[in-house]
Amino acid sequence: MITGSSGALGRRVSQLLCAAGHEVIGLDVKTVSDASTTASSSTTASFHQIDLHCAGGDLKELLSDASSVIHLAAGPEGSRNLTLTRRVLDTAGDANVTHLVLLSSAAVYGARSDNPVPLTEDAPLRPNAGFSFAFEKAELERLALEWRDDHPGCGVAILRPARMLGPDDHSGWLARATAPSLLDRLSGELPSMQYLHIDDLAAAIALAATAKVDGPLNVAPDGWLRGEEAVSLLGPSSPVPLPEKLIERARRYRRSGEVPGASPYARQPWVVANDRAKALGWRPATTTQEAIVAARPPSRLSLVFARRRQELTLVAVAGGGLLAVVGAALWWRRKGRR
C-alpha cells in the first residue's frame, strides 16, 4: 500500500514494486492517467482516490490486506502532515499491518559547523531552530518509533534522504529552499553538499518495503561535493568574495520567497553516509553531479544560443557551398582563357 502514489516519487516506487512482482495498491487524493496501469502480466497496481484526512473505515478496510504500508503522502509542512501520519499509524495498527515505511529527511540531523562529515544513522537529531520542515520530520520519526514500541513484532523503516532532485517543482523544493543564496556564494565559504536523484530514492524505498527494513536509513549518493563545485553546477556564481561584515548586513534583509529557518542548511554541512543502505543491497545509480545536471532545465539564454549556433552553422554551410561554386566557376573561366 502506497499513500501519495500519484506523486512523482510514489509513481516510481509503484513501478519498481510492480516490476518485482508485488501487488500494489495506491492511495491519493489526486489521480494520474497511469495510476491504475498494470505494470506487467504477473502484477497488478490498483488505485483508490481518497482523502486520508477524512478517511475513516474506508482506510482501515484498504489497509487490512497490506503486508507493508509506504507512507509518502504529504503537503506543505505543518500540523496537518503530523495529523495525517497519526491517522495512518493508528489505522495501520488497527488493521494489523506489520511493517511501515516512512519518509523523513537528512535535515533532522541539523546543519551545524560541528557536524561530522558524513553523518551516520546513530548521530543525534538536532534540527535547526525555525526550520519547521526539519522539526516536523523529527516529530514524525518520534511518532513512528512510539508506534513500533506499542506494536511488538512490527517494524518501521525511516528513510532520511539527502537533498532530492526530481523532474517537477515539488520534488526538489527542499533542494531549492536550502540552496546557497548569492550572498552565501559571495561569502566565499560554502559547506559540502549532496544531491540525491529521485530514482535512487524510489529504489531505496522499494528495498525498505520488500526487505522489511527496521530503523533509520540514510539515503544519499556516494561521497559529496565541495560547496564551490556544487554551486558551479547549480548556477553561475561570483568568484570575488565580499567582506563578512557586508555579507551579514545584507542578510538582515530576507530574500523574497525565503523559507524561514532554512538558511543554516545552505551554510553548514549536513551530508550523510550511505553505508547501511549499501549493506542492505542498495546502490545509487547517480552521482551528485549527475543529479544536479539531470534536474537542471536548460535556460532560455542557452536555448537562444543553441538556436543561434544552429543558424550560424546553416549560414556557414550555405556560405561554404556558395564559395565552392564561385571558386569552381572562376577556376573554369581561368582554365578556358588558358
Protein backbone atom coordinates (compact mmCIF):
# COMPACT_ATOMS: atom_id res chain seq x y z
CA MET A 1 0.00 0.00 0.00
CA ILE A 2 1.42 3.38 -1.02
CA THR A 3 -0.06 6.67 0.17
CA GLY A 4 0.73 9.61 -2.09
CA SER A 5 1.01 7.19 -5.00
CA SER A 6 0.16 9.79 -7.65
CA GLY A 7 3.19 11.95 -6.92
CA ALA A 8 6.44 11.75 -8.85
CA LEU A 9 8.06 9.64 -6.11
CA GLY A 10 5.02 7.44 -5.48
CA ARG A 11 4.67 6.58 -9.17
CA ARG A 12 8.31 5.48 -9.34
CA VAL A 13 8.04 3.32 -6.23
CA SER A 14 4.86 1.70 -7.55
CA GLN A 15 6.50 0.89 -10.89
CA LEU A 16 9.52 -0.69 -9.19
CA LEU A 17 7.40 -2.86 -6.90
CA CYS A 18 5.10 -3.96 -9.71
CA ALA A 19 8.09 -4.86 -11.87
CA ALA A 20 9.39 -7.00 -8.99
CA GLY A 21 6.13 -8.97 -8.88
CA HIS A 22 4.31 -7.30 -5.99
CA GLU A 23 0.67 -6.29 -5.91
CA VAL A 24 0.50 -2.57 -5.26
CA ILE A 25 -2.47 -0.53 -4.05
CA GLY A 26 -2.13 3.22 -4.45
CA LEU A 27 -3.94 5.85 -2.39
CA ASP A 28 -4.00 9.54 -3.23
CA VAL A 29 -6.35 12.50 -3.26
CA LYS A 30 -5.18 13.23 -6.81
CA THR A 31 -5.37 10.96 -9.83
CA VAL A 32 -2.93 10.40 -12.65
CA SER A 33 -3.59 8.79 -16.01
CA ASP A 34 -1.38 5.79 -15.27
CA ALA A 35 -2.31 5.34 -11.61
CA SER A 36 -4.11 2.05 -12.30
CA THR A 37 -1.89 0.80 -15.10
CA THR A 38 -0.88 -2.84 -14.95
CA ALA A 39 2.89 -2.95 -14.96
CA SER A 40 3.20 -6.49 -16.31
CA SER A 41 1.16 -9.60 -16.82
CA SER A 42 2.20 -11.02 -13.43
CA THR A 43 1.49 -7.94 -11.32
CA THR A 44 -1.35 -5.57 -10.59
CA ALA A 45 -1.48 -1.96 -9.46
CA SER A 46 -4.84 -0.66 -8.33
CA PHE A 47 -5.64 2.90 -7.35
CA HIS A 48 -8.14 4.42 -4.92
CA GLN A 49 -8.84 8.14 -4.84
CA ILE A 50 -9.21 9.03 -1.18
CA ASP A 51 -8.59 11.98 1.11
CA LEU A 52 -6.65 10.50 4.01
CA HIS A 53 -7.50 13.47 6.22
CA CYS A 54 -11.16 12.48 6.09
CA ALA A 55 -10.90 8.72 5.63
CA GLY A 56 -12.15 6.51 8.42
CA GLY A 57 -13.44 3.00 7.97
CA ASP A 58 -12.56 3.06 4.29
CA LEU A 59 -8.87 3.44 5.10
CA LYS A 60 -8.93 0.57 7.60
CA GLU A 61 -10.60 -1.67 5.05
CA LEU A 62 -8.00 -0.82 2.41
CA LEU A 63 -5.11 -1.39 4.83
CA SER A 64 -6.44 -4.71 6.05
CA ASP A 65 -4.81 -6.65 3.19
CA ALA A 66 -1.50 -4.76 3.19
CA SER A 67 1.70 -6.53 4.21
CA SER A 68 3.53 -3.20 4.20
CA VAL A 69 2.45 0.44 4.09
CA ILE A 70 4.65 3.05 2.40
CA HIS A 71 3.55 6.46 3.65
CA LEU A 72 4.59 9.16 1.16
CA ALA A 73 1.52 11.43 1.26
CA ALA A 74 2.38 14.94 2.43
CA GLY A 75 1.52 18.52 1.73
CA PRO A 76 3.02 21.84 2.79
CA GLU A 77 4.75 21.48 6.13
CA GLY A 78 2.55 21.99 9.14
CA SER A 79 0.42 20.21 11.70
CA ARG A 80 -1.79 18.63 9.02
CA ASN A 81 1.05 16.34 7.97
CA LEU A 82 1.55 15.12 11.51
CA THR A 83 -2.20 14.62 11.91
CA LEU A 84 -2.19 12.61 8.69
CA THR A 85 0.74 10.49 9.89
CA ARG A 86 -1.02 9.77 13.20
CA ARG A 87 -4.13 8.67 11.31
CA VAL A 88 -2.13 6.31 9.09
CA LEU A 89 -0.25 4.88 12.07
CA ASP A 90 -3.38 4.34 14.15
CA THR A 91 -5.27 2.76 11.26
CA ALA A 92 -2.33 0.54 10.36
CA GLY A 93 -2.26 -0.72 13.94
CA ASP A 94 -6.00 -1.45 13.90
CA ALA A 95 -5.60 -3.26 10.56
CA ASN A 96 -2.73 -5.41 11.90
CA VAL A 97 -0.17 -4.08 9.44
CA THR A 98 3.25 -5.38 10.49
CA HIS A 99 5.59 -3.09 8.56
CA LEU A 100 5.69 0.61 7.69
CA VAL A 101 7.99 2.75 5.56
CA LEU A 102 8.04 6.46 6.39
CA LEU A 103 9.85 9.27 4.59
CA SER A 104 11.85 11.58 6.83
CA SER A 105 14.83 13.73 5.78
CA ALA A 106 18.53 14.13 6.50
CA ALA A 107 17.56 17.64 7.61
CA VAL A 108 16.62 16.16 11.01
CA TYR A 109 20.34 16.00 11.87
CA GLY A 110 20.52 19.76 11.63
CA ALA A 111 23.04 21.87 9.73
CA ARG A 112 25.85 22.75 12.11
CA SER A 113 29.54 23.55 11.91
CA ASP A 114 30.43 20.73 14.35
CA ASN A 115 28.61 18.04 12.36
CA PRO A 116 30.84 15.09 11.42
CA VAL A 117 31.22 14.60 7.67
CA PRO A 118 29.45 12.34 6.92
CA LEU A 119 26.68 11.79 9.48
CA THR A 120 25.64 8.23 10.29
CA GLU A 121 22.25 6.96 11.47
CA ASP A 122 23.32 6.99 15.13
CA ALA A 123 24.02 10.75 15.11
CA PRO A 124 21.67 12.80 17.33
CA LEU A 125 18.75 14.63 15.76
CA ARG A 126 19.34 18.38 16.09
CA PRO A 127 17.08 20.22 13.63
CA ASN A 128 17.86 23.92 13.42
CA ALA A 129 15.53 26.29 15.22
CA GLY A 130 12.95 27.92 13.00
CA PHE A 131 13.03 25.33 10.21
CA SER A 132 9.60 23.77 10.67
CA PHE A 133 10.15 21.11 7.97
CA ALA A 134 13.03 19.52 9.89
CA PHE A 135 11.16 19.67 13.22
CA GLU A 136 8.11 18.11 11.60
CA LYS A 137 10.19 15.21 10.26
CA ALA A 138 11.82 14.68 13.65
CA GLU A 139 8.37 14.54 15.26
CA LEU A 140 7.22 12.11 12.55
CA GLU A 141 10.11 9.82 13.49
CA ARG A 142 9.20 10.02 17.17
CA LEU A 143 5.60 9.04 16.41
CA ALA A 144 6.74 6.13 14.26
CA LEU A 145 9.09 4.74 16.92
CA GLU A 146 6.37 5.07 19.57
CA TRP A 147 4.02 3.13 17.26
CA ARG A 148 6.63 0.38 16.88
CA ASP A 149 7.09 0.16 20.64
CA ASP A 150 3.33 -0.16 21.10
CA HIS A 151 3.11 -2.92 18.46
CA PRO A 152 5.59 -5.70 19.30
CA GLY A 153 6.72 -7.67 16.29
CA CYS A 154 6.20 -4.75 13.90
CA GLY A 155 8.91 -2.84 12.08
CA VAL A 156 9.27 0.73 10.82
CA ALA A 157 11.78 1.85 8.22
CA ILE A 158 12.53 5.57 8.46
CA LEU A 159 14.31 6.90 5.40
CA ARG A 160 16.44 10.04 5.70
CA PRO A 161 17.30 11.18 2.18
CA ALA A 162 19.73 13.94 1.32
CA ARG A 163 18.52 16.87 -0.79
CA MET A 164 16.42 15.26 -3.52
CA LEU A 165 16.17 16.47 -7.09
CA GLY A 166 13.46 15.39 -9.49
CA PRO A 167 11.60 16.39 -12.63
CA ASP A 168 8.97 18.62 -11.04
CA ASP A 169 8.97 21.63 -8.76
CA HIS A 170 7.55 19.85 -5.70
CA SER A 171 10.09 17.03 -5.58
CA GLY A 172 13.01 19.44 -5.47
CA TRP A 173 11.62 22.10 -3.14
CA LEU A 174 13.98 21.26 -0.24
CA ALA A 175 16.99 21.49 -2.56
CA ARG A 176 15.83 24.94 -3.66
CA ALA A 177 14.98 26.08 -0.12
CA THR A 178 18.46 25.15 1.14
CA ALA A 179 20.44 26.25 -1.92
CA PRO A 180 23.15 28.84 -1.18
CA SER A 181 21.98 32.35 -1.94
CA LEU A 182 24.04 34.87 -3.85
CA LEU A 183 25.19 36.30 -0.50
CA ASP A 184 26.27 32.85 0.66
CA ARG A 185 28.27 32.43 -2.54
CA LEU A 186 29.85 35.85 -2.19
CA SER A 187 30.97 34.99 1.34
CA GLY A 188 33.48 32.55 -0.15
CA GLU A 189 32.71 29.79 2.41
CA LEU A 190 30.30 27.04 1.44
CA PRO A 191 29.68 23.62 3.05
CA SER A 192 29.99 20.23 1.41
CA MET A 193 26.76 19.21 -0.35
CA GLN A 194 24.90 16.14 -1.58
CA TYR A 195 22.07 15.84 -4.08
CA LEU A 196 20.07 12.63 -4.49
CA HIS A 197 18.26 11.69 -7.69
CA ILE A 198 14.58 10.83 -7.22
CA ASP A 199 15.06 7.44 -8.93
CA ASP A 200 17.66 6.42 -6.36
CA LEU A 201 15.32 7.37 -3.52
CA ALA A 202 12.49 5.36 -5.10
CA ALA A 203 14.78 2.31 -5.29
CA ALA A 204 15.70 2.69 -1.60
CA ILE A 205 12.03 2.91 -0.60
CA ALA A 206 11.17 -0.20 -2.59
CA LEU A 207 14.05 -2.07 -0.94
CA ALA A 208 12.99 -0.94 2.54
CA ALA A 209 9.48 -2.28 1.92
CA THR A 210 10.44 -5.63 0.40
CA ALA A 211 13.34 -6.35 2.78
CA LYS A 212 11.27 -5.25 5.81
CA VAL A 213 13.97 -2.84 6.93
CA ASP A 214 13.65 -1.62 10.50
CA GLY A 215 15.02 1.64 11.92
CA PRO A 216 16.55 4.76 10.34
CA LEU A 217 18.22 4.57 6.95
CA ASN A 218 20.23 7.35 5.31
CA VAL A 219 19.82 7.61 1.55
CA ALA A 220 22.48 9.56 -0.31
CA PRO A 221 24.82 9.28 -3.29
CA ASP A 222 28.39 8.11 -2.84
CA GLY A 223 30.52 10.94 -1.49
CA TRP A 224 29.77 14.66 -1.72
CA LEU A 225 30.94 17.82 -3.43
CA ARG A 226 32.76 20.82 -2.06
CA GLY A 227 30.43 23.77 -1.90
CA GLU A 228 32.20 25.63 -4.68
CA GLU A 229 31.89 22.64 -7.00
CA ALA A 230 28.19 22.20 -6.23
CA VAL A 231 27.23 25.82 -6.82
CA SER A 232 29.17 25.89 -10.08
CA LEU A 233 26.77 23.19 -11.29
CA LEU A 234 23.70 24.77 -9.71
CA GLY A 235 24.27 28.09 -11.46
CA PRO A 236 26.62 30.99 -12.02
CA SER A 237 28.40 32.47 -9.00
CA SER A 238 30.79 35.32 -8.34
CA PRO A 239 34.47 34.44 -7.93
CA VAL A 240 35.07 37.58 -5.84
CA PRO A 241 34.25 37.16 -2.10
CA LEU A 242 32.92 40.14 -0.15
CA PRO A 243 33.79 41.15 3.44
CA GLU A 244 31.87 39.17 6.04
CA LYS A 245 30.50 42.32 7.73
CA LEU A 246 28.93 43.42 4.46
CA ILE A 247 27.50 39.92 3.93
CA GLU A 248 25.92 39.82 7.39
CA ARG A 249 24.45 43.30 6.95
CA ALA A 250 22.87 42.29 3.67
CA ARG A 251 21.49 39.08 5.20
CA ARG A 252 19.29 41.12 7.54
CA TYR A 253 17.06 41.74 4.56
CA ARG A 254 15.28 38.46 3.85
CA ARG A 255 15.24 37.20 0.31
CA SER A 256 11.87 37.18 -1.44
CA GLY A 257 10.35 33.72 -1.04
CA GLU A 258 12.94 32.55 1.50
CA VAL A 259 11.80 29.62 3.65
CA PRO A 260 12.06 30.62 7.34
CA GLY A 261 14.82 28.82 9.17
CA ALA A 262 16.32 27.22 6.06
CA SER A 263 19.35 29.50 5.72
CA PRO A 264 21.66 27.48 8.06
CA TYR A 265 21.18 24.48 5.77
CA ALA A 266 22.80 26.49 2.99
CA ARG A 267 25.83 27.48 5.09
CA GLN A 268 26.63 24.49 7.33
CA PRO A 269 27.26 20.81 6.46
CA TRP A 270 24.66 18.04 6.79
CA VAL A 271 25.90 15.34 4.43
CA VAL A 272 25.16 11.72 5.35
CA ALA A 273 26.77 8.30 4.96
CA ASN A 274 25.01 5.61 2.93
CA ASP A 275 26.89 2.58 4.32
CA ARG A 276 23.85 0.95 5.92
CA ALA A 277 21.73 1.25 2.77
CA LYS A 278 24.54 -0.23 0.66
CA ALA A 279 24.98 -3.08 3.14
CA LEU A 280 21.32 -3.94 2.51
CA GLY A 281 21.96 -4.15 -1.24
CA TRP A 282 21.00 -0.65 -2.38
CA ARG A 283 23.32 1.13 -4.81
CA PRO A 284 22.99 4.73 -6.01
CA ALA A 285 22.88 4.87 -9.79
CA THR A 286 23.51 8.63 -9.96
CA THR A 287 26.20 10.87 -8.51
CA THR A 288 25.59 14.29 -7.01
CA GLN A 289 26.94 15.90 -10.17
CA GLU A 290 24.66 13.83 -12.40
CA ALA A 291 21.61 14.53 -10.21
CA ILE A 292 22.18 18.29 -10.45
CA VAL A 293 22.70 18.23 -14.19
CA ALA A 294 19.70 15.94 -14.81
CA ALA A 295 17.34 18.17 -12.81
CA ARG A 296 18.58 21.48 -14.16
CA PRO A 297 16.46 22.58 -17.13
CA PRO A 298 18.18 24.47 -19.95
CA SER A 299 17.92 28.23 -19.56
CA ARG A 300 16.20 30.41 -22.11
CA LEU A 301 19.53 32.01 -22.85
CA SER A 302 21.14 28.65 -23.59
CA LEU A 303 18.23 27.77 -25.87
CA VAL A 304 18.69 31.07 -27.70
CA PHE A 305 22.39 30.38 -28.00
CA ALA A 306 21.69 26.89 -29.28
CA ARG A 307 19.26 28.25 -31.85
CA ARG A 308 21.75 30.93 -32.83
CA ARG A 309 24.51 28.34 -33.20
CA GLN A 310 22.23 26.35 -35.46
CA GLU A 311 21.52 29.41 -37.58
CA LEU A 312 25.21 30.27 -37.82
CA THR A 313 26.00 26.69 -38.78
CA LEU A 314 23.42 26.78 -41.55
CA VAL A 315 24.76 30.11 -42.76
CA ALA A 316 28.30 28.74 -42.69
CA VAL A 317 27.28 25.65 -44.65
CA ALA A 318 25.36 27.72 -47.19
CA GLY A 319 28.22 30.21 -47.42
CA GLY A 320 30.75 27.44 -47.87
CA GLY A 321 28.68 25.95 -50.67
CA LEU A 322 28.38 29.32 -52.38
CA LEU A 323 32.11 29.93 -52.12
CA ALA A 324 32.74 26.50 -53.58
CA VAL A 325 30.51 27.25 -56.57
CA VAL A 326 32.10 30.67 -57.15
CA GLY A 327 35.57 29.17 -56.82
CA ALA A 328 34.76 26.42 -59.28
CA ALA A 329 33.36 28.96 -61.76
CA LEU A 330 36.47 31.15 -61.53
CA TRP A 331 38.73 28.14 -61.96
CA TRP A 332 36.79 27.01 -65.02
CA ARG A 333 36.90 30.50 -66.52
CA ARG A 334 40.64 30.81 -65.95
CA LYS A 335 41.16 27.37 -67.49
CA GLY A 336 39.12 28.41 -70.53
CA ARG A 337 41.28 31.50 -71.05
CA ARG A 338 44.41 29.40 -70.89
